C-alpha atoms as a PDB file:
ATOM      1  CA  MET A   1       0.000   0.000   0.000  1.00  0.00           C
ATOM      2  CA  GLN A   2       2.868   2.368   0.806  1.00  0.00           C
ATOM      3  CA  ALA A   3       4.340   1.845  -2.666  1.00  0.00           C
ATOM      4  CA  LEU A   4       1.048   2.862  -4.298  1.00  0.00           C
ATOM      5  CA  ILE A   5       0.957   6.054  -2.226  1.00  0.00           C
ATOM      6  CA  GLU A   6       4.531   6.923  -3.213  1.00  0.00           C
ATOM      7  CA  ILE A   7       3.793   6.294  -6.892  1.00  0.00           C
ATOM      8  CA  THR A   8       0.706   8.503  -6.674  1.00  0.00           C
ATOM      9  CA  GLN A   9       2.692  11.247  -4.969  1.00  0.00           C
ATOM     10  CA  GLY A  10       5.424  10.979  -7.598  1.00  0.00           C
ATOM     11  CA  ILE A  11       2.970  11.273 -10.472  1.00  0.00           C
ATOM     12  CA  GLY A  12       1.262  14.165  -8.709  1.00  0.00           C
ATOM     13  CA  ASN A  13       4.584  15.963  -8.251  1.00  0.00           C
ATOM     14  CA  ILE A  14       5.376  15.486 -11.943  1.00  0.00           C
ATOM     15  CA  PHE A  15       1.978  16.971 -12.783  1.00  0.00           C
ATOM     16  CA  ILE A  16       2.653  19.941 -10.474  1.00  0.00           C
ATOM     17  CA  SER A  17       6.008  20.479 -12.188  1.00  0.00           C
ATOM     18  CA  LEU A  18       4.350  20.424 -15.612  1.00  0.00           C
ATOM     19  CA  ILE A  19       1.862  23.030 -14.411  1.00  0.00           C
ATOM     20  CA  GLY A  20       4.797  25.182 -13.302  1.00  0.00           C
ATOM     21  CA  VAL A  21       6.437  24.878 -16.719  1.00  0.00           C
ATOM     22  CA  TYR A  22       3.154  25.803 -18.426  1.00  0.00           C
ATOM     23  CA  ILE A  23       2.839  28.860 -16.187  1.00  0.00           C
ATOM     24  CA  TRP A  24       6.282  29.995 -17.359  1.00  0.00           C
ATOM     25  CA  VAL A  25       5.246  29.403 -20.971  1.00  0.00           C
ATOM     26  CA  LEU A  26       2.200  31.612 -20.397  1.00  0.00           C
ATOM     27  CA  ILE A  27       4.363  34.333 -18.845  1.00  0.00           C
ATOM     28  CA  ILE A  28       6.826  34.238 -21.750  1.00  0.00           C
ATOM     29  CA  GLN A  29       3.988  34.346 -24.288  1.00  0.00           C
ATOM     30  CA  ALA A  30       2.380  37.290 -22.486  1.00  0.00           C
ATOM     31  CA  LEU A  31       5.667  39.188 -22.425  1.00  0.00           C
ATOM     32  CA  LEU A  32       6.246  38.492 -26.115  1.00  0.00           C
ATOM     33  CA  THR A  33       2.973  40.194 -26.995  1.00  0.00           C
ATOM     34  CA  PHE A  34       4.453  43.481 -25.800  1.00  0.00           C
ATOM     35  CA  VAL A  35       7.358  43.364 -28.280  1.00  0.00           C
ATOM     36  CA  ASN A  36       5.365  42.089 -31.301  1.00  0.00           C
ATOM     37  CA  PRO A  37       7.729  39.289 -32.429  1.00  0.00           C
ATOM     38  CA  ASP A  38       8.042  37.807 -35.894  1.00  0.00           C
ATOM     39  CA  PRO A  39       5.014  35.494 -36.342  1.00  0.00           C
ATOM     40  CA  TYR A  40       7.046  33.169 -38.580  1.00  0.00           C
ATOM     41  CA  ASN A  41       9.628  32.460 -35.888  1.00  0.00           C
ATOM     42  CA  PRO A  42       9.365  28.763 -34.911  1.00  0.00           C
ATOM     43  CA  VAL A  43       9.594  29.536 -31.191  1.00  0.00           C
ATOM     44  CA  VAL A  44       6.784  32.079 -31.428  1.00  0.00           C
ATOM     45  CA  GLN A  45       4.660  29.646 -33.432  1.00  0.00           C
ATOM     46  CA  PHE A  46       5.268  26.912 -30.850  1.00  0.00           C
ATOM     47  CA  LEU A  47       4.280  29.213 -27.980  1.00  0.00           C
ATOM     48  CA  ASN A  48       1.143  30.270 -29.853  1.00  0.00           C
ATOM     49  CA  ARG A  49       0.144  26.644 -30.492  1.00  0.00           C
ATOM     50  CA  ILE A  50       0.685  25.738 -26.841  1.00  0.00           C
ATOM     51  CA  THR A  51      -1.168  28.704 -25.314  1.00  0.00           C
ATOM     52  CA  SER A  52      -3.974  29.449 -27.783  1.00  0.00           C
ATOM     53  CA  PRO A  53      -6.294  26.570 -26.701  1.00  0.00           C
ATOM     54  CA  ALA A  54      -6.223  27.778 -23.094  1.00  0.00           C
ATOM     55  CA  TYR A  55      -6.798  31.379 -24.200  1.00  0.00           C
ATOM     56  CA  LYS A  56      -9.760  30.366 -26.357  1.00  0.00           C
ATOM     57  CA  PHE A  57     -11.273  28.356 -23.507  1.00  0.00           C
ATOM     58  CA  VAL A  58     -11.063  31.282 -21.072  1.00  0.00           C
ATOM     59  CA  ARG A  59     -12.276  33.828 -23.612  1.00  0.00           C
ATOM     60  CA  LYS A  60     -15.323  31.675 -24.296  1.00  0.00           C
ATOM     61  CA  PHE A  61     -16.553  32.244 -20.723  1.00  0.00           C
ATOM     62  CA  ILE A  62     -14.974  35.525 -19.614  1.00  0.00           C
ATOM     63  CA  ARG A  63     -14.394  38.833 -21.359  1.00  0.00           C
ATOM     64  CA  THR A  64     -10.650  39.340 -20.902  1.00  0.00           C
ATOM     65  CA  ASP A  65      -9.883  42.341 -23.136  1.00  0.00           C
ATOM     66  CA  TYR A  66      -9.896  45.546 -21.095  1.00  0.00           C
ATOM     67  CA  SER A  67      -8.622  48.725 -22.763  1.00  0.00           C
ATOM     68  CA  GLY A  68      -6.408  46.781 -25.122  1.00  0.00           C
ATOM     69  CA  LEU A  69      -4.860  44.680 -22.340  1.00  0.00           C
ATOM     70  CA  ASP A  70      -5.586  40.961 -22.497  1.00  0.00           C
ATOM     71  CA  LEU A  71      -6.040  39.453 -19.040  1.00  0.00           C
ATOM     72  CA  ALA A  72      -6.490  35.856 -20.204  1.00  0.00           C
ATOM     73  CA  PRO A  73      -2.947  34.839 -19.166  1.00  0.00           C
ATOM     74  CA  LEU A  74      -3.542  36.233 -15.692  1.00  0.00           C
ATOM     75  CA  VAL A  75      -6.819  34.334 -15.327  1.00  0.00           C
ATOM     76  CA  ILE A  76      -5.189  31.095 -16.465  1.00  0.00           C
ATOM     77  CA  ILE A  77      -2.177  31.537 -14.180  1.00  0.00           C
ATOM     78  CA  VAL A  78      -4.373  32.187 -11.139  1.00  0.00           C
ATOM     79  CA  ALA A  79      -6.498  29.132 -11.953  1.00  0.00           C
ATOM     80  CA  LEU A  80      -3.398  26.964 -12.380  1.00  0.00           C
ATOM     81  CA  GLN A  81      -1.979  28.221  -9.090  1.00  0.00           C
ATOM     82  CA  ILE A  82      -5.229  27.244  -7.363  1.00  0.00           C
ATOM     83  CA  VAL A  83      -5.048  23.783  -8.949  1.00  0.00           C
ATOM     84  CA  THR A  84      -1.425  23.464  -7.791  1.00  0.00           C
ATOM     85  CA  VAL A  85      -2.292  24.354  -4.196  1.00  0.00           C
ATOM     86  CA  ILE A  86      -5.230  21.945  -4.108  1.00  0.00           C
ATOM     87  CA  LEU A  87      -3.231  19.129  -5.700  1.00  0.00           C
ATOM     88  CA  SER A  88      -0.239  19.585  -3.401  1.00  0.00           C
ATOM     89  CA  THR A  89      -2.524  19.636  -0.359  1.00  0.00           C
ATOM     90  CA  LEU A  90      -4.189  16.410  -1.499  1.00  0.00           C
ATOM     91  CA  LEU A  91      -0.825  14.759  -2.111  1.00  0.00           C
ATOM     92  CA  ARG A  92       0.482  15.749   1.342  1.00  0.00           C
ATOM     93  CA  SER A  93      -2.614  14.301   2.972  1.00  0.00           C
ATOM     94  CA  LEU A  94      -1.888  10.822   1.578  1.00  0.00           C
END
């Protein structure tokens, strides 16, 4: 039984780490919008492909454009931070 708990905690910690990486991807993408990068750059295209589904999902439910400033990354980051806190609390309780 102890081995199953440790495996679950390990998988949960990997998931938390992936959420952290995705948060950094969102931050980088949000910062890139301020400098208007080349849309044909492979890195920019990759970041757009990774972040656009989450942006579309949030924009479907919430209006995120206020005075030309898009708050979708902020909404997603806050939601992911909440998920991280809940998941880490659940994993510690095992």
